[in-house]
């Protein structure tokens, strides 16, 4: 059996890192924090996201600070989100994977009520068996539990045949939690250096990610 790919959305299929940085710095300015460069963001970013703010502030934000930071970022992000496009080559890769008779899905920490219209607007909804966004506090706790639910809901797809393609170390953690494997992509939220600590293949393009996913599936 061939691999089933579970795609991450933000920073992976959706090339939105410039939008993320712009929204981050707009929200930082609003709450009196200095701006951050893309390189520094990629070196420091992590999930749970309050830990990312701890790396910036030198301490964990209080619950009240976190609520303001989170709301402010999302307000600025979604004001700009429609300017983000699919990553280079993503549409072709999705179509080719489906044409080859293989399956794929999306598991994202993006709010579910926003994710489905997003995928539909970009014209790729027909490529996926399932599209799952966050419906609770996954943005704080990470994707592991959500990934396990996602794989269980696919039905008939065995975890050992699943390869998660994402841009964050949390994607590798979530894959391992669910019994799947992972490939991490450097075009999103993490630097190559920070991705390498996950101990899974790290690639610089989605085409490479798909090729590695095929190789991993052939090893089962």
N, C-alpha and C. Protein backbone atom coordinates (compact mmCIF):
# COMPACT_ATOMS: atom_id res chain seq x y z
N UNK A 1 0.85 -1.21 0.00
CA UNK A 1 0.00 0.00 0.00
C UNK A 1 0.88 1.25 0.00
N UNK A 2 0.46 2.27 -0.79
CA UNK A 2 1.22 3.51 -0.82
C UNK A 2 0.96 4.35 0.40
N UNK A 3 1.74 5.41 0.51
CA UNK A 3 1.61 6.30 1.66
C UNK A 3 0.33 7.13 1.58
N UNK A 4 -0.22 7.40 2.73
CA UNK A 4 -1.23 8.45 2.87
C UNK A 4 -0.52 9.65 3.47
N UNK A 5 -0.61 10.78 2.81
CA UNK A 5 0.02 12.00 3.32
C UNK A 5 -1.00 12.80 4.12
N UNK A 6 -0.61 13.19 5.33
CA UNK A 6 -1.36 14.18 6.09
C UNK A 6 -0.58 15.49 6.00
N UNK A 7 -1.18 16.46 5.36
CA UNK A 7 -0.54 17.77 5.18
C UNK A 7 -0.88 18.70 6.33
N UNK A 8 0.12 19.42 6.79
CA UNK A 8 -0.12 20.61 7.60
C UNK A 8 -0.57 21.72 6.66
N UNK A 9 -1.19 22.74 7.20
CA UNK A 9 -1.70 23.83 6.37
C UNK A 9 -0.81 25.06 6.44
N UNK A 10 -0.87 25.81 7.53
CA UNK A 10 -0.11 27.06 7.62
C UNK A 10 1.39 26.79 7.59
N UNK A 11 2.07 27.45 6.67
CA UNK A 11 3.52 27.30 6.56
C UNK A 11 3.95 26.10 5.76
N UNK A 12 2.99 25.26 5.36
CA UNK A 12 3.32 24.07 4.56
C UNK A 12 2.60 24.19 3.22
N UNK A 13 1.36 23.73 3.12
CA UNK A 13 0.63 23.93 1.87
C UNK A 13 0.37 25.41 1.61
N UNK A 14 0.06 26.15 2.66
CA UNK A 14 -0.17 27.59 2.53
C UNK A 14 1.12 28.33 2.85
N UNK A 15 1.64 29.06 1.88
CA UNK A 15 2.87 29.83 2.11
C UNK A 15 2.49 31.17 2.74
N UNK A 16 2.45 31.18 4.06
CA UNK A 16 1.96 32.38 4.75
C UNK A 16 2.98 32.97 5.72
N UNK A 17 4.25 32.56 5.62
CA UNK A 17 5.21 33.01 6.63
C UNK A 17 5.38 34.53 6.61
N UNK A 18 5.32 35.15 5.42
CA UNK A 18 5.43 36.62 5.39
C UNK A 18 4.22 37.27 6.07
N UNK A 19 3.05 36.68 5.90
CA UNK A 19 1.85 37.18 6.58
C UNK A 19 2.00 37.01 8.08
N UNK A 20 2.54 35.86 8.50
CA UNK A 20 2.74 35.60 9.93
C UNK A 20 3.68 36.63 10.54
N UNK A 21 4.78 36.92 9.86
CA UNK A 21 5.75 37.89 10.40
C UNK A 21 5.12 39.28 10.46
N UNK A 22 4.41 39.68 9.41
CA UNK A 22 3.76 41.00 9.41
C UNK A 22 2.74 41.09 10.55
N UNK A 23 1.94 40.04 10.73
CA UNK A 23 0.94 40.05 11.80
C UNK A 23 1.60 40.01 13.17
N UNK A 24 2.67 39.23 13.29
CA UNK A 24 3.39 39.16 14.56
C UNK A 24 3.92 40.53 14.95
N UNK A 25 4.56 41.21 14.00
CA UNK A 25 5.14 42.51 14.32
C UNK A 25 4.08 43.58 14.53
N UNK A 26 2.97 43.49 13.82
CA UNK A 26 1.87 44.43 14.08
C UNK A 26 1.30 44.23 15.47
N UNK A 27 1.16 42.96 15.87
CA UNK A 27 0.62 42.70 17.20
C UNK A 27 1.64 43.05 18.28
N UNK A 28 2.92 42.78 18.02
CA UNK A 28 3.96 43.17 18.97
C UNK A 28 3.95 44.68 19.20
N UNK A 29 3.84 45.45 18.12
CA UNK A 29 3.83 46.90 18.24
C UNK A 29 2.65 47.36 19.10
N UNK A 30 1.54 46.69 18.94
CA UNK A 30 0.33 47.07 19.67
C UNK A 30 0.46 46.84 21.17
N UNK A 31 1.26 45.84 21.56
CA UNK A 31 1.41 45.54 22.98
C UNK A 31 2.78 45.95 23.53
N UNK A 32 3.51 46.77 22.73
CA UNK A 32 4.75 47.35 23.22
C UNK A 32 5.98 46.46 23.18
N UNK A 33 5.95 45.41 22.33
CA UNK A 33 7.11 44.55 22.17
C UNK A 33 7.88 44.93 20.91
N UNK A 34 9.21 44.75 20.90
CA UNK A 34 9.98 45.06 19.70
C UNK A 34 9.68 44.08 18.57
N UNK A 35 9.91 44.52 17.35
CA UNK A 35 9.65 43.66 16.20
C UNK A 35 10.67 42.52 16.13
N UNK A 36 10.37 41.53 15.31
CA UNK A 36 11.20 40.34 15.20
C UNK A 36 11.48 40.07 13.73
N UNK A 37 12.68 39.59 13.42
CA UNK A 37 13.01 39.24 12.04
C UNK A 37 12.52 37.83 11.73
N UNK A 38 12.44 37.52 10.45
CA UNK A 38 12.06 36.17 10.04
C UNK A 38 13.03 35.14 10.60
N UNK A 39 14.33 35.44 10.53
CA UNK A 39 15.33 34.48 11.00
C UNK A 39 15.17 34.21 12.49
N UNK A 40 14.96 35.26 13.28
CA UNK A 40 14.80 35.08 14.72
C UNK A 40 13.51 34.33 15.04
N UNK A 41 12.46 34.66 14.30
CA UNK A 41 11.19 33.97 14.49
C UNK A 41 11.38 32.48 14.27
N UNK A 42 12.03 32.12 13.17
CA UNK A 42 12.20 30.70 12.84
C UNK A 42 13.08 29.97 13.86
N UNK A 43 14.02 30.69 14.44
CA UNK A 43 14.88 30.07 15.45
C UNK A 43 14.13 29.85 16.77
N UNK A 44 13.20 30.74 17.10
CA UNK A 44 12.56 30.71 18.42
C UNK A 44 11.18 30.07 18.44
N UNK A 45 10.51 30.02 17.30
CA UNK A 45 9.12 29.57 17.29
C UNK A 45 8.99 28.13 17.80
N UNK A 46 7.94 27.90 18.59
CA UNK A 46 7.67 26.56 19.10
C UNK A 46 6.22 26.49 19.55
N UNK A 47 5.77 25.27 19.77
CA UNK A 47 4.45 25.00 20.34
C UNK A 47 4.67 24.22 21.63
N UNK A 48 3.95 24.53 22.70
CA UNK A 48 2.86 25.50 22.86
C UNK A 48 3.35 26.95 22.64
N UNK A 49 2.50 27.74 22.03
CA UNK A 49 2.89 29.08 21.64
C UNK A 49 3.25 29.97 22.83
N UNK A 50 2.64 29.82 24.02
CA UNK A 50 3.13 30.62 25.15
C UNK A 50 4.62 30.39 25.43
N UNK A 51 5.13 29.22 25.09
CA UNK A 51 6.57 28.96 25.26
C UNK A 51 7.39 29.81 24.29
N UNK A 52 6.85 30.06 23.11
CA UNK A 52 7.50 30.97 22.15
C UNK A 52 7.60 32.36 22.75
N UNK A 53 6.51 32.82 23.35
CA UNK A 53 6.55 34.14 23.99
C UNK A 53 7.51 34.16 25.18
N UNK A 54 7.62 33.04 25.87
CA UNK A 54 8.59 32.97 26.97
C UNK A 54 10.01 33.17 26.44
N UNK A 55 10.31 32.58 25.29
CA UNK A 55 11.64 32.76 24.70
C UNK A 55 11.90 34.21 24.33
N UNK A 56 10.86 34.91 23.96
CA UNK A 56 11.00 36.33 23.60
C UNK A 56 11.06 37.23 24.83
N UNK A 57 10.22 36.94 25.83
CA UNK A 57 10.08 37.81 26.99
C UNK A 57 11.03 37.47 28.13
N UNK A 58 11.54 36.22 28.13
CA UNK A 58 12.33 35.76 29.26
C UNK A 58 11.47 35.20 30.38
N UNK A 59 10.17 35.13 30.16
CA UNK A 59 9.25 34.57 31.15
C UNK A 59 7.97 34.19 30.42
N UNK A 60 7.23 33.27 31.02
CA UNK A 60 5.93 32.94 30.45
C UNK A 60 4.97 34.11 30.61
N UNK A 61 4.17 34.41 29.59
CA UNK A 61 3.16 35.46 29.78
C UNK A 61 2.10 35.00 30.78
N UNK A 62 1.52 35.95 31.47
CA UNK A 62 0.39 35.63 32.34
C UNK A 62 -0.80 35.23 31.48
N UNK A 63 -1.81 34.65 32.11
CA UNK A 63 -3.01 34.27 31.35
C UNK A 63 -3.63 35.48 30.66
N UNK A 64 -3.61 36.62 31.36
CA UNK A 64 -4.20 37.83 30.78
C UNK A 64 -3.37 38.32 29.60
N UNK A 65 -2.04 38.29 29.75
CA UNK A 65 -1.16 38.71 28.65
C UNK A 65 -1.33 37.79 27.46
N UNK A 66 -1.39 36.48 27.72
CA UNK A 66 -1.54 35.52 26.63
C UNK A 66 -2.83 35.75 25.86
N UNK A 67 -3.92 36.01 26.58
CA UNK A 67 -5.20 36.24 25.91
C UNK A 67 -5.12 37.43 24.97
N UNK A 68 -4.45 38.50 25.43
CA UNK A 68 -4.30 39.70 24.60
C UNK A 68 -3.40 39.41 23.40
N UNK A 69 -2.26 38.75 23.65
CA UNK A 69 -1.31 38.43 22.57
C UNK A 69 -1.96 37.57 21.50
N UNK A 70 -2.67 36.54 21.93
CA UNK A 70 -3.29 35.61 21.00
C UNK A 70 -4.36 36.31 20.17
N UNK A 71 -5.22 37.06 20.83
CA UNK A 71 -6.30 37.75 20.11
C UNK A 71 -5.74 38.80 19.16
N UNK A 72 -4.70 39.51 19.60
CA UNK A 72 -4.12 40.58 18.77
C UNK A 72 -3.46 39.99 17.54
N UNK A 73 -2.70 38.92 17.71
CA UNK A 73 -2.07 38.27 16.56
C UNK A 73 -3.11 37.81 15.56
N UNK A 74 -4.14 37.12 16.02
CA UNK A 74 -5.11 36.57 15.09
C UNK A 74 -5.91 37.66 14.38
N UNK A 75 -6.14 38.76 15.06
CA UNK A 75 -6.83 39.88 14.39
C UNK A 75 -5.99 40.40 13.23
N UNK A 76 -4.70 40.59 13.47
CA UNK A 76 -3.82 41.08 12.41
C UNK A 76 -3.60 40.02 11.33
N UNK A 77 -3.47 38.75 11.75
CA UNK A 77 -3.21 37.69 10.77
C UNK A 77 -4.38 37.56 9.80
N UNK A 78 -5.60 37.44 10.34
CA UNK A 78 -6.72 37.19 9.45
C UNK A 78 -7.10 38.42 8.62
N UNK A 79 -6.64 39.60 9.03
CA UNK A 79 -6.81 40.78 8.18
C UNK A 79 -5.94 40.70 6.93
N UNK A 80 -4.87 39.90 6.99
CA UNK A 80 -3.92 39.78 5.89
C UNK A 80 -3.98 38.41 5.20
N UNK A 81 -4.71 37.46 5.76
CA UNK A 81 -4.60 36.06 5.35
C UNK A 81 -4.93 35.82 3.88
N UNK A 82 -5.82 36.61 3.31
CA UNK A 82 -6.20 36.38 1.92
C UNK A 82 -5.07 36.69 0.94
N UNK A 83 -4.00 37.32 1.41
CA UNK A 83 -2.87 37.60 0.52
C UNK A 83 -1.93 36.40 0.41
N UNK A 84 -2.13 35.38 1.24
CA UNK A 84 -1.27 34.20 1.21
C UNK A 84 -1.75 33.23 0.13
N UNK A 85 -0.79 32.65 -0.60
CA UNK A 85 -1.10 31.70 -1.67
C UNK A 85 -0.55 30.32 -1.32
N UNK A 86 -0.90 29.34 -2.12
CA UNK A 86 -0.33 28.02 -1.94
C UNK A 86 1.18 28.06 -2.16
N UNK A 87 1.88 27.18 -1.47
CA UNK A 87 3.33 27.08 -1.64
C UNK A 87 3.65 26.69 -3.08
N UNK A 88 4.85 27.03 -3.50
CA UNK A 88 5.27 26.74 -4.87
C UNK A 88 5.14 25.26 -5.20
N UNK A 89 4.42 24.98 -6.28
CA UNK A 89 4.26 23.61 -6.74
C UNK A 89 3.23 22.79 -5.99
N UNK A 90 2.60 23.36 -4.96
CA UNK A 90 1.70 22.57 -4.11
C UNK A 90 0.50 22.04 -4.89
N UNK A 91 -0.11 22.88 -5.70
CA UNK A 91 -1.31 22.45 -6.42
C UNK A 91 -1.00 21.25 -7.33
N UNK A 92 0.11 21.29 -8.02
CA UNK A 92 0.50 20.19 -8.91
C UNK A 92 0.81 18.93 -8.11
N UNK A 93 1.50 19.07 -7.01
CA UNK A 93 1.82 17.91 -6.17
C UNK A 93 0.56 17.23 -5.66
N UNK A 94 -0.40 18.03 -5.21
CA UNK A 94 -1.67 17.47 -4.72
C UNK A 94 -2.41 16.73 -5.83
N UNK A 95 -2.46 17.34 -7.01
CA UNK A 95 -3.17 16.73 -8.13
C UNK A 95 -2.48 15.44 -8.57
N UNK A 96 -1.15 15.46 -8.64
CA UNK A 96 -0.41 14.28 -9.09
C UNK A 96 -0.54 13.13 -8.10
N UNK A 97 -0.51 13.45 -6.80
CA UNK A 97 -0.64 12.39 -5.77
C UNK A 97 -2.01 11.73 -5.90
N UNK A 98 -3.05 12.53 -6.09
CA UNK A 98 -4.40 11.98 -6.23
C UNK A 98 -4.52 11.20 -7.54
N UNK A 99 -3.95 11.71 -8.61
CA UNK A 99 -4.03 11.04 -9.91
C UNK A 99 -3.36 9.68 -9.89
N UNK A 100 -2.36 9.53 -9.03
CA UNK A 100 -1.66 8.26 -8.90
C UNK A 100 -2.43 7.25 -8.05
N UNK A 101 -3.63 7.64 -7.60
CA UNK A 101 -4.47 6.74 -6.83
C UNK A 101 -4.14 6.72 -5.35
N UNK A 102 -3.41 7.70 -4.89
CA UNK A 102 -3.03 7.77 -3.48
C UNK A 102 -3.94 8.76 -2.76
N UNK A 103 -3.92 8.69 -1.44
CA UNK A 103 -4.83 9.51 -0.64
C UNK A 103 -4.05 10.52 0.20
N UNK A 104 -4.76 11.57 0.60
CA UNK A 104 -4.15 12.63 1.40
C UNK A 104 -5.24 13.37 2.16
N UNK A 105 -4.81 14.08 3.19
CA UNK A 105 -5.75 14.82 4.03
C UNK A 105 -5.00 16.00 4.64
N UNK A 106 -5.74 16.85 5.34
CA UNK A 106 -5.17 18.03 6.01
C UNK A 106 -5.51 17.98 7.48
N UNK A 107 -4.50 18.17 8.34
CA UNK A 107 -4.71 18.30 9.78
C UNK A 107 -3.97 19.54 10.23
N UNK A 108 -4.70 20.52 10.71
CA UNK A 108 -4.13 21.84 10.97
C UNK A 108 -4.60 22.39 12.31
N UNK A 109 -3.78 23.26 12.89
CA UNK A 109 -4.18 23.99 14.08
C UNK A 109 -4.97 25.25 13.75
N UNK A 110 -5.14 25.54 12.45
CA UNK A 110 -5.98 26.67 12.06
C UNK A 110 -7.42 26.41 12.50
N UNK A 111 -8.16 27.44 12.88
CA UNK A 111 -9.56 27.22 13.29
C UNK A 111 -10.34 26.52 12.18
N UNK A 112 -11.06 25.46 12.56
CA UNK A 112 -11.75 24.64 11.56
C UNK A 112 -12.73 25.46 10.73
N UNK A 113 -13.42 26.40 11.37
CA UNK A 113 -14.44 27.16 10.65
C UNK A 113 -13.82 28.09 9.60
N UNK A 114 -12.53 28.39 9.75
CA UNK A 114 -11.83 29.19 8.74
C UNK A 114 -11.12 28.29 7.72
N UNK A 115 -10.66 27.12 8.17
CA UNK A 115 -9.85 26.27 7.30
C UNK A 115 -10.64 25.76 6.10
N UNK A 116 -11.84 25.25 6.31
CA UNK A 116 -12.60 24.69 5.19
C UNK A 116 -12.87 25.72 4.09
N UNK A 117 -13.33 26.94 4.41
CA UNK A 117 -13.51 27.94 3.35
C UNK A 117 -12.20 28.31 2.66
N UNK A 118 -11.10 28.31 3.41
CA UNK A 118 -9.78 28.60 2.86
C UNK A 118 -9.40 27.60 1.78
N UNK A 119 -9.49 26.32 2.14
CA UNK A 119 -9.13 25.25 1.22
C UNK A 119 -10.02 25.29 -0.01
N UNK A 120 -11.31 25.55 0.20
CA UNK A 120 -12.26 25.63 -0.90
C UNK A 120 -11.95 26.82 -1.81
N UNK A 121 -11.66 27.95 -1.21
CA UNK A 121 -11.37 29.16 -1.99
C UNK A 121 -10.15 28.97 -2.89
N UNK A 122 -9.19 28.19 -2.44
CA UNK A 122 -7.98 27.96 -3.23
C UNK A 122 -8.14 26.80 -4.21
N UNK A 123 -9.32 26.19 -4.25
CA UNK A 123 -9.65 25.22 -5.28
C UNK A 123 -9.02 23.85 -5.14
N UNK A 124 -8.66 23.46 -3.92
CA UNK A 124 -7.98 22.18 -3.74
C UNK A 124 -8.76 21.21 -2.86
N UNK A 125 -9.98 21.55 -2.48
CA UNK A 125 -10.72 20.73 -1.53
C UNK A 125 -10.95 19.31 -2.05
N UNK A 126 -11.05 19.14 -3.37
CA UNK A 126 -11.34 17.84 -3.94
C UNK A 126 -10.21 16.84 -3.85
N UNK A 127 -9.04 17.29 -3.43
CA UNK A 127 -7.88 16.39 -3.34
C UNK A 127 -7.82 15.61 -2.03
N UNK A 128 -8.65 15.96 -1.06
CA UNK A 128 -8.47 15.44 0.29
C UNK A 128 -9.62 14.53 0.74
N UNK A 129 -9.24 13.45 1.43
CA UNK A 129 -10.25 12.62 2.07
C UNK A 129 -10.91 13.35 3.22
N UNK A 130 -10.16 14.20 3.89
CA UNK A 130 -10.65 14.86 5.10
C UNK A 130 -9.83 16.13 5.33
N UNK A 131 -10.48 17.15 5.86
CA UNK A 131 -9.82 18.40 6.25
C UNK A 131 -10.24 18.72 7.67
N UNK A 132 -9.30 18.70 8.60
CA UNK A 132 -9.60 18.95 10.01
C UNK A 132 -8.78 20.12 10.53
N UNK A 133 -9.48 21.12 11.04
CA UNK A 133 -8.83 22.20 11.75
C UNK A 133 -9.09 22.08 13.24
N UNK A 134 -8.60 23.05 13.98
CA UNK A 134 -8.75 23.04 15.42
C UNK A 134 -10.15 23.48 15.82
N UNK A 135 -10.73 22.74 16.76
CA UNK A 135 -12.05 23.12 17.27
C UNK A 135 -12.00 23.42 18.77
N UNK A 136 -10.79 23.40 19.35
CA UNK A 136 -10.67 23.65 20.78
C UNK A 136 -9.40 24.41 21.10
N UNK A 137 -8.64 23.91 22.10
CA UNK A 137 -7.46 24.63 22.56
C UNK A 137 -6.17 24.05 21.98
N UNK A 138 -6.25 23.37 20.83
CA UNK A 138 -5.07 22.72 20.26
C UNK A 138 -3.96 23.72 19.96
N UNK A 139 -4.33 24.98 19.71
CA UNK A 139 -3.31 25.98 19.42
C UNK A 139 -2.37 26.16 20.61
N UNK A 140 -2.86 25.86 21.80
CA UNK A 140 -2.03 26.00 23.00
C UNK A 140 -1.26 24.71 23.29
N UNK A 141 -1.92 23.57 23.13
CA UNK A 141 -1.35 22.32 23.60
C UNK A 141 -0.59 21.55 22.55
N UNK A 142 -0.69 21.93 21.28
CA UNK A 142 -0.03 21.18 20.23
C UNK A 142 -1.03 20.31 19.48
N UNK A 143 -0.51 19.56 18.50
CA UNK A 143 -1.36 18.86 17.54
C UNK A 143 -1.48 17.36 17.82
N UNK A 144 -0.82 16.82 18.83
CA UNK A 144 -0.74 15.37 19.00
C UNK A 144 -2.11 14.70 19.12
N UNK A 145 -2.93 15.17 20.04
CA UNK A 145 -4.24 14.55 20.23
C UNK A 145 -5.11 14.73 19.00
N UNK A 146 -5.02 15.90 18.38
CA UNK A 146 -5.81 16.16 17.18
C UNK A 146 -5.37 15.23 16.05
N UNK A 147 -4.07 14.98 15.92
CA UNK A 147 -3.57 14.08 14.87
C UNK A 147 -4.09 12.66 15.08
N UNK A 148 -4.09 12.20 16.31
CA UNK A 148 -4.61 10.86 16.59
C UNK A 148 -6.09 10.76 16.22
N UNK A 149 -6.86 11.78 16.54
CA UNK A 149 -8.28 11.79 16.16
C UNK A 149 -8.44 11.82 14.65
N UNK A 150 -7.60 12.60 14.00
CA UNK A 150 -7.66 12.72 12.54
C UNK A 150 -7.42 11.37 11.87
N UNK A 151 -6.38 10.66 12.29
CA UNK A 151 -6.08 9.37 11.69
C UNK A 151 -7.19 8.36 11.97
N UNK A 152 -7.72 8.38 13.18
CA UNK A 152 -8.82 7.46 13.52
C UNK A 152 -10.04 7.72 12.64
N UNK A 153 -10.27 8.99 12.32
CA UNK A 153 -11.45 9.36 11.54
C UNK A 153 -11.31 9.03 10.05
N UNK A 154 -10.08 8.82 9.60
CA UNK A 154 -9.87 8.51 8.18
C UNK A 154 -10.49 7.17 7.81
N UNK A 155 -10.37 6.20 8.70
CA UNK A 155 -10.97 4.90 8.45
C UNK A 155 -10.23 4.12 7.38
N UNK A 156 -9.67 3.00 7.75
CA UNK A 156 -8.99 2.15 6.78
C UNK A 156 -7.59 2.55 6.43
N UNK A 157 -7.10 3.65 6.98
CA UNK A 157 -5.72 4.08 6.74
C UNK A 157 -4.91 3.71 7.98
N UNK A 158 -3.97 2.83 7.81
CA UNK A 158 -3.16 2.39 8.95
C UNK A 158 -2.08 3.42 9.25
N UNK A 159 -1.85 3.73 10.53
CA UNK A 159 -0.86 4.77 10.88
C UNK A 159 0.53 4.54 10.30
N UNK A 160 0.94 3.27 10.18
CA UNK A 160 2.29 3.01 9.65
C UNK A 160 2.41 3.36 8.18
N UNK A 161 1.28 3.58 7.50
CA UNK A 161 1.30 4.00 6.10
C UNK A 161 1.16 5.53 5.96
N UNK A 162 1.10 6.23 7.07
CA UNK A 162 0.88 7.67 7.06
C UNK A 162 2.20 8.41 7.21
N UNK A 163 2.37 9.43 6.37
CA UNK A 163 3.50 10.35 6.51
C UNK A 163 2.93 11.76 6.65
N UNK A 164 3.28 12.41 7.74
CA UNK A 164 2.86 13.80 7.99
C UNK A 164 3.90 14.73 7.39
N UNK A 165 3.46 15.68 6.59
CA UNK A 165 4.35 16.71 6.04
C UNK A 165 3.98 18.03 6.69
N UNK A 166 4.93 18.62 7.41
CA UNK A 166 4.68 19.87 8.11
C UNK A 166 5.93 20.73 8.18
N UNK A 167 5.78 21.89 8.82
CA UNK A 167 6.88 22.85 8.89
C UNK A 167 7.35 23.09 10.32
N UNK A 168 6.84 22.31 11.28
CA UNK A 168 7.15 22.55 12.69
C UNK A 168 7.52 21.25 13.39
N UNK A 169 8.37 21.34 14.39
CA UNK A 169 8.73 20.15 15.15
C UNK A 169 7.49 19.52 15.78
N UNK A 170 6.48 20.32 16.09
CA UNK A 170 5.25 19.77 16.66
C UNK A 170 4.57 18.81 15.69
N UNK A 171 4.75 19.00 14.38
CA UNK A 171 4.18 18.06 13.41
C UNK A 171 4.83 16.68 13.56
N UNK A 172 6.14 16.65 13.80
CA UNK A 172 6.83 15.38 14.01
C UNK A 172 6.38 14.73 15.33
N UNK A 173 6.22 15.55 16.36
CA UNK A 173 5.74 15.05 17.64
C UNK A 173 4.34 14.44 17.50
N UNK A 174 3.47 15.14 16.77
CA UNK A 174 2.11 14.67 16.57
C UNK A 174 2.09 13.37 15.76
N UNK A 175 2.93 13.29 14.74
CA UNK A 175 3.01 12.08 13.93
C UNK A 175 3.42 10.89 14.79
N UNK A 176 4.47 11.07 15.59
CA UNK A 176 4.96 9.98 16.44
C UNK A 176 3.89 9.55 17.43
N UNK A 177 3.18 10.51 17.98
CA UNK A 177 2.11 10.21 18.94
C UNK A 177 1.04 9.33 18.30
N UNK A 178 0.77 9.56 17.02
CA UNK A 178 -0.29 8.82 16.33
C UNK A 178 0.21 7.56 15.64
N UNK A 179 1.51 7.25 15.76
CA UNK A 179 2.06 6.06 15.14
C UNK A 179 2.44 6.23 13.69
N UNK A 180 2.55 7.49 13.24
CA UNK A 180 2.91 7.79 11.86
C UNK A 180 4.35 8.32 11.80
N UNK A 181 4.79 8.60 10.58
CA UNK A 181 6.11 9.20 10.39
C UNK A 181 5.97 10.62 9.86
N UNK A 182 7.08 11.32 9.77
CA UNK A 182 6.99 12.74 9.39
C UNK A 182 8.17 13.15 8.53
N UNK A 183 7.90 14.17 7.71
CA UNK A 183 8.92 14.88 6.95
C UNK A 183 8.69 16.36 7.23
N UNK A 184 9.75 17.09 7.54
CA UNK A 184 9.61 18.50 7.88
C UNK A 184 10.22 19.39 6.80
N UNK A 185 9.55 20.50 6.55
CA UNK A 185 9.82 21.41 5.43
C UNK A 185 10.29 22.76 5.96
N UNK A 186 11.35 23.28 5.38
CA UNK A 186 11.99 24.50 5.90
C UNK A 186 11.35 25.80 5.42
N UNK A 187 10.28 25.73 4.65
CA UNK A 187 9.70 26.95 4.09
C UNK A 187 8.72 27.67 4.98
N UNK A 188 8.53 27.19 6.21
CA UNK A 188 7.51 27.77 7.07
C UNK A 188 8.06 28.40 8.32
N UNK A 189 7.64 27.89 9.49
CA UNK A 189 7.86 28.59 10.76
C UNK A 189 9.20 28.31 11.43
N UNK A 190 9.91 27.24 11.01
CA UNK A 190 11.14 26.83 11.71
C UNK A 190 12.36 26.94 10.80
N UNK A 191 13.48 27.21 11.39
CA UNK A 191 14.74 27.13 10.67
C UNK A 191 15.14 25.67 10.51
N UNK A 192 16.01 25.40 9.56
CA UNK A 192 16.52 24.03 9.39
C UNK A 192 17.16 23.54 10.69
N UNK A 193 17.92 24.40 11.33
CA UNK A 193 18.60 24.01 12.57
C UNK A 193 17.60 23.56 13.63
N UNK A 194 16.51 24.29 13.78
CA UNK A 194 15.53 23.93 14.81
C UNK A 194 14.73 22.70 14.41
N UNK A 195 14.55 22.46 13.11
CA UNK A 195 13.82 21.27 12.67
C UNK A 195 14.63 20.00 12.86
N UNK A 196 15.94 20.10 12.71
CA UNK A 196 16.78 18.91 12.77
C UNK A 196 16.71 18.20 14.12
N UNK A 197 16.35 18.93 15.17
CA UNK A 197 16.28 18.31 16.50
C UNK A 197 15.16 17.28 16.58
N UNK A 198 14.22 17.30 15.63
CA UNK A 198 13.10 16.37 15.67
C UNK A 198 13.52 14.96 15.28
N UNK A 199 14.67 14.82 14.61
CA UNK A 199 15.16 13.50 14.27
C UNK A 199 14.43 12.82 13.12
N UNK A 200 13.79 13.62 12.26
CA UNK A 200 13.10 13.09 11.07
C UNK A 200 13.69 13.80 9.84
N UNK A 201 13.40 13.29 8.63
CA UNK A 201 13.93 13.96 7.44
C UNK A 201 13.49 15.43 7.35
N UNK A 202 14.43 16.28 6.94
CA UNK A 202 14.16 17.71 6.76
C UNK A 202 14.49 18.07 5.31
N UNK A 203 13.56 18.74 4.64
CA UNK A 203 13.71 19.05 3.22
C UNK A 203 13.43 20.53 2.97
N UNK A 204 13.83 21.00 1.79
CA UNK A 204 13.69 22.42 1.46
C UNK A 204 12.59 22.71 0.46
N UNK A 205 11.89 21.69 -0.01
CA UNK A 205 10.76 21.92 -0.93
C UNK A 205 9.69 20.86 -0.68
N UNK A 206 8.48 21.19 -1.07
CA UNK A 206 7.40 20.22 -0.92
C UNK A 206 7.57 19.05 -1.88
N UNK A 207 8.18 19.29 -3.03
CA UNK A 207 8.45 18.18 -3.96
C UNK A 207 9.39 17.17 -3.31
N UNK A 208 10.41 17.66 -2.61
CA UNK A 208 11.30 16.75 -1.88
C UNK A 208 10.53 16.02 -0.78
N UNK A 209 9.65 16.73 -0.12
CA UNK A 209 8.88 16.11 0.96
C UNK A 209 8.05 14.94 0.45
N UNK A 210 7.39 15.13 -0.69
CA UNK A 210 6.58 14.07 -1.26
C UNK A 210 7.46 12.89 -1.68
N UNK A 211 8.61 13.18 -2.26
CA UNK A 211 9.52 12.10 -2.66
C UNK A 211 9.98 11.29 -1.45
N UNK A 212 10.29 11.97 -0.36
CA UNK A 212 10.70 11.27 0.86
C UNK A 212 9.54 10.47 1.43
N UNK A 213 8.33 11.02 1.36
CA UNK A 213 7.16 10.28 1.84
C UNK A 213 7.00 8.97 1.07
N UNK A 214 7.22 9.01 -0.23
CA UNK A 214 7.15 7.79 -1.03
C UNK A 214 8.20 6.77 -0.59
N UNK A 215 9.41 7.27 -0.34
CA UNK A 215 10.48 6.38 0.12
C UNK A 215 10.15 5.74 1.46
N UNK A 216 9.60 6.53 2.38
CA UNK A 216 9.23 6.01 3.68
C UNK A 216 8.14 4.95 3.56
N UNK A 217 7.18 5.20 2.68
CA UNK A 217 6.10 4.24 2.51
C UNK A 217 6.62 2.92 1.95
N UNK A 218 7.62 3.01 1.09
CA UNK A 218 8.17 1.79 0.48
C UNK A 218 8.90 0.92 1.50
N UNK A 219 9.24 1.49 2.66
CA UNK A 219 9.97 0.74 3.68
C UNK A 219 9.04 -0.09 4.56
N UNK A 220 7.73 0.13 4.46
CA UNK A 220 6.78 -0.60 5.31
C UNK A 220 6.60 -2.02 4.79
